[in-house]
Amino acid sequence: MNNQQFLSAFKNLQSDVQGLSTQLQRVLLYLENSNASKAENSLLIEERISVKETCQILSCSEVTLWKLRKDGTLPYSQHKRTIRFKKMDILNYLNHKR
């Protein structure tokens, strides 16, 4: 192998390494975004909101929300006198309502 062939092979190797480095950066960026969205989704699923916040999201009165709760349309949790709704349940209700 002469010097010119060696330099040509070395340049090809450099460009291959640079291409792999670019692909690796893209994969890492994708994984970071994927993990961030999973964390956001898990927070959204677990987030519990008050009656007033739920009424604002649904654009309804507390009486209407009470009816939806009592007929089982909207699941809720209650600790003593505090009622909370999962934000994900509210958003699912809005999507099915459309």
C-alpha atoms as a PDB file:
ATOM      1  CA  MET A   1       0.000   0.000   0.000  1.00  0.00           C
ATOM      2  CA  ASN A   2       1.514   3.319  -0.994  1.00  0.00           C
ATOM      3  CA  ASN A   3       1.082   6.646   0.766  1.00  0.00           C
ATOM      4  CA  GLN A   4      -1.705   7.880  -1.537  1.00  0.00           C
ATOM      5  CA  GLN A   5      -3.797   4.727  -1.012  1.00  0.00           C
ATOM      6  CA  PHE A   6      -3.233   4.960   2.724  1.00  0.00           C
ATOM      7  CA  LEU A   7      -4.330   8.623   2.833  1.00  0.00           C
ATOM      8  CA  SER A   8      -7.395   7.829   0.742  1.00  0.00           C
ATOM      9  CA  ALA A   9      -8.363   4.923   3.029  1.00  0.00           C
ATOM     10  CA  PHE A  10      -7.735   7.121   6.092  1.00  0.00           C
ATOM     11  CA  LYS A  11     -10.004   9.897   4.733  1.00  0.00           C
ATOM     12  CA  ASN A  12     -12.737   7.336   4.030  1.00  0.00           C
ATOM     13  CA  LEU A  13     -12.380   6.030   7.566  1.00  0.00           C
ATOM     14  CA  GLN A  14     -12.596   9.571   8.967  1.00  0.00           C
ATOM     15  CA  SER A  15     -15.797  10.293   7.065  1.00  0.00           C
ATOM     16  CA  ASP A  16     -17.307   6.981   8.237  1.00  0.00           C
ATOM     17  CA  VAL A  17     -16.448   7.791  11.857  1.00  0.00           C
ATOM     18  CA  GLN A  18     -17.900  11.286  11.485  1.00  0.00           C
ATOM     19  CA  GLY A  19     -21.114   9.806  10.018  1.00  0.00           C
ATOM     20  CA  LEU A  20     -21.392   7.367  12.920  1.00  0.00           C
ATOM     21  CA  SER A  21     -20.798  10.188  15.387  1.00  0.00           C
ATOM     22  CA  THR A  22     -23.641  12.177  13.813  1.00  0.00           C
ATOM     23  CA  GLN A  23     -25.968   9.167  13.959  1.00  0.00           C
ATOM     24  CA  LEU A  24     -25.028   8.548  17.593  1.00  0.00           C
ATOM     25  CA  GLN A  25     -25.852  12.155  18.486  1.00  0.00           C
ATOM     26  CA  ARG A  26     -29.241  11.824  16.762  1.00  0.00           C
ATOM     27  CA  VAL A  27     -30.022   8.613  18.632  1.00  0.00           C
ATOM     28  CA  LEU A  28     -29.030  10.171  21.961  1.00  0.00           C
ATOM     29  CA  LEU A  29     -31.177  13.221  21.268  1.00  0.00           C
ATOM     30  CA  TYR A  30     -34.127  10.983  20.343  1.00  0.00           C
ATOM     31  CA  LEU A  31     -33.703   8.943  23.526  1.00  0.00           C
ATOM     32  CA  GLU A  32     -33.502  12.071  25.671  1.00  0.00           C
ATOM     33  CA  ASN A  33     -36.703  13.420  24.103  1.00  0.00           C
ATOM     34  CA  SER A  34     -38.395  10.048  24.469  1.00  0.00           C
ATOM     35  CA  ASN A  35     -37.510   9.822  28.156  1.00  0.00           C
ATOM     36  CA  ALA A  36     -38.632  13.404  28.736  1.00  0.00           C
ATOM     37  CA  SER A  37     -42.014  12.766  27.113  1.00  0.00           C
ATOM     38  CA  LYS A  38     -42.465   9.562  29.143  1.00  0.00           C
ATOM     39  CA  ALA A  39     -41.753  11.504  32.325  1.00  0.00           C
ATOM     40  CA  GLU A  40     -44.228  14.200  31.298  1.00  0.00           C
ATOM     41  CA  ASN A  41     -46.853  11.571  30.464  1.00  0.00           C
ATOM     42  CA  SER A  42     -46.403   9.797  33.782  1.00  0.00           C
ATOM     43  CA  LEU A  43     -46.786  13.125  35.598  1.00  0.00           C
ATOM     44  CA  LEU A  44     -49.903  13.867  33.594  1.00  0.00           C
ATOM     45  CA  ILE A  45     -51.383  10.455  34.383  1.00  0.00           C
ATOM     46  CA  GLU A  46     -50.748  10.806  38.107  1.00  0.00           C
ATOM     47  CA  GLU A  47     -51.685  14.468  38.417  1.00  0.00           C
ATOM     48  CA  ARG A  48     -54.823  14.969  40.461  1.00  0.00           C
ATOM     49  CA  ILE A  49     -56.825  18.151  40.211  1.00  0.00           C
ATOM     50  CA  SER A  50     -59.485  19.835  42.305  1.00  0.00           C
ATOM     51  CA  VAL A  51     -63.174  20.281  41.567  1.00  0.00           C
ATOM     52  CA  LYS A  52     -62.664  23.911  40.546  1.00  0.00           C
ATOM     53  CA  GLU A  53     -59.814  23.046  38.167  1.00  0.00           C
ATOM     54  CA  THR A  54     -61.905  20.253  36.673  1.00  0.00           C
ATOM     55  CA  CYS A  55     -64.839  22.604  36.165  1.00  0.00           C
ATOM     56  CA  GLN A  56     -62.553  25.061  34.374  1.00  0.00           C
ATOM     57  CA  ILE A  57     -61.196  22.364  32.055  1.00  0.00           C
ATOM     58  CA  LEU A  58     -64.670  21.014  31.281  1.00  0.00           C
ATOM     59  CA  SER A  59     -66.294  24.466  31.198  1.00  0.00           C
ATOM     60  CA  CYS A  60     -69.106  23.289  33.411  1.00  0.00           C
ATOM     61  CA  SER A  61     -70.616  24.121  36.770  1.00  0.00           C
ATOM     62  CA  GLU A  62     -69.927  22.251  39.992  1.00  0.00           C
ATOM     63  CA  VAL A  63     -73.489  20.873  39.860  1.00  0.00           C
ATOM     64  CA  THR A  64     -72.873  19.382  36.403  1.00  0.00           C
ATOM     65  CA  LEU A  65     -69.585  17.927  37.610  1.00  0.00           C
ATOM     66  CA  TRP A  66     -71.366  16.470  40.626  1.00  0.00           C
ATOM     67  CA  LYS A  67     -73.878  14.767  38.288  1.00  0.00           C
ATOM     68  CA  LEU A  68     -71.068  13.348  36.124  1.00  0.00           C
ATOM     69  CA  ARG A  69     -69.381  12.066  39.250  1.00  0.00           C
ATOM     70  CA  LYS A  70     -72.525  10.534  40.737  1.00  0.00           C
ATOM     71  CA  ASP A  71     -73.598   8.706  37.564  1.00  0.00           C
ATOM     72  CA  GLY A  72     -70.092   7.208  37.253  1.00  0.00           C
ATOM     73  CA  THR A  73     -69.095   9.059  34.099  1.00  0.00           C
ATOM     74  CA  LEU A  74     -66.057  10.613  35.761  1.00  0.00           C
ATOM     75  CA  PRO A  75     -63.995   8.571  38.216  1.00  0.00           C
ATOM     76  CA  TYR A  76     -62.721  10.409  41.275  1.00  0.00           C
ATOM     77  CA  SER A  77     -61.004   9.851  44.569  1.00  0.00           C
ATOM     78  CA  GLN A  78     -62.022  11.236  47.919  1.00  0.00           C
ATOM     79  CA  HIS A  79     -59.992  11.686  51.077  1.00  0.00           C
ATOM     80  CA  LYS A  80     -62.209  12.888  53.898  1.00  0.00           C
ATOM     81  CA  ARG A  81     -64.040  15.806  52.243  1.00  0.00           C
ATOM     82  CA  THR A  82     -61.513  16.517  49.485  1.00  0.00           C
ATOM     83  CA  ILE A  83     -62.451  15.301  46.015  1.00  0.00           C
ATOM     84  CA  ARG A  84     -59.812  14.928  43.308  1.00  0.00           C
ATOM     85  CA  PHE A  85     -59.929  13.871  39.683  1.00  0.00           C
ATOM     86  CA  LYS A  86     -57.111  12.403  37.625  1.00  0.00           C
ATOM     87  CA  LYS A  87     -56.255  14.875  34.909  1.00  0.00           C
ATOM     88  CA  MET A  88     -55.874  12.010  32.425  1.00  0.00           C
ATOM     89  CA  ASP A  89     -59.447  10.846  33.150  1.00  0.00           C
ATOM     90  CA  ILE A  90     -60.745  14.350  32.468  1.00  0.00           C
ATOM     91  CA  LEU A  91     -58.846  14.581  29.177  1.00  0.00           C
ATOM     92  CA  ASN A  92     -60.100  11.126  28.137  1.00  0.00           C
ATOM     93  CA  TYR A  93     -63.661  12.205  28.907  1.00  0.00           C
ATOM     94  CA  LEU A  94     -63.215  15.290  26.731  1.00  0.00           C
ATOM     95  CA  ASN A  95     -61.835  13.188  23.862  1.00  0.00           C
ATOM     96  CA  HIS A  96     -64.707  10.679  24.022  1.00  0.00           C
ATOM     97  CA  LYS A  97     -67.266  13.465  24.277  1.00  0.00           C
ATOM     98  CA  ARG A  98     -66.207  14.898  20.894  1.00  0.00           C
END
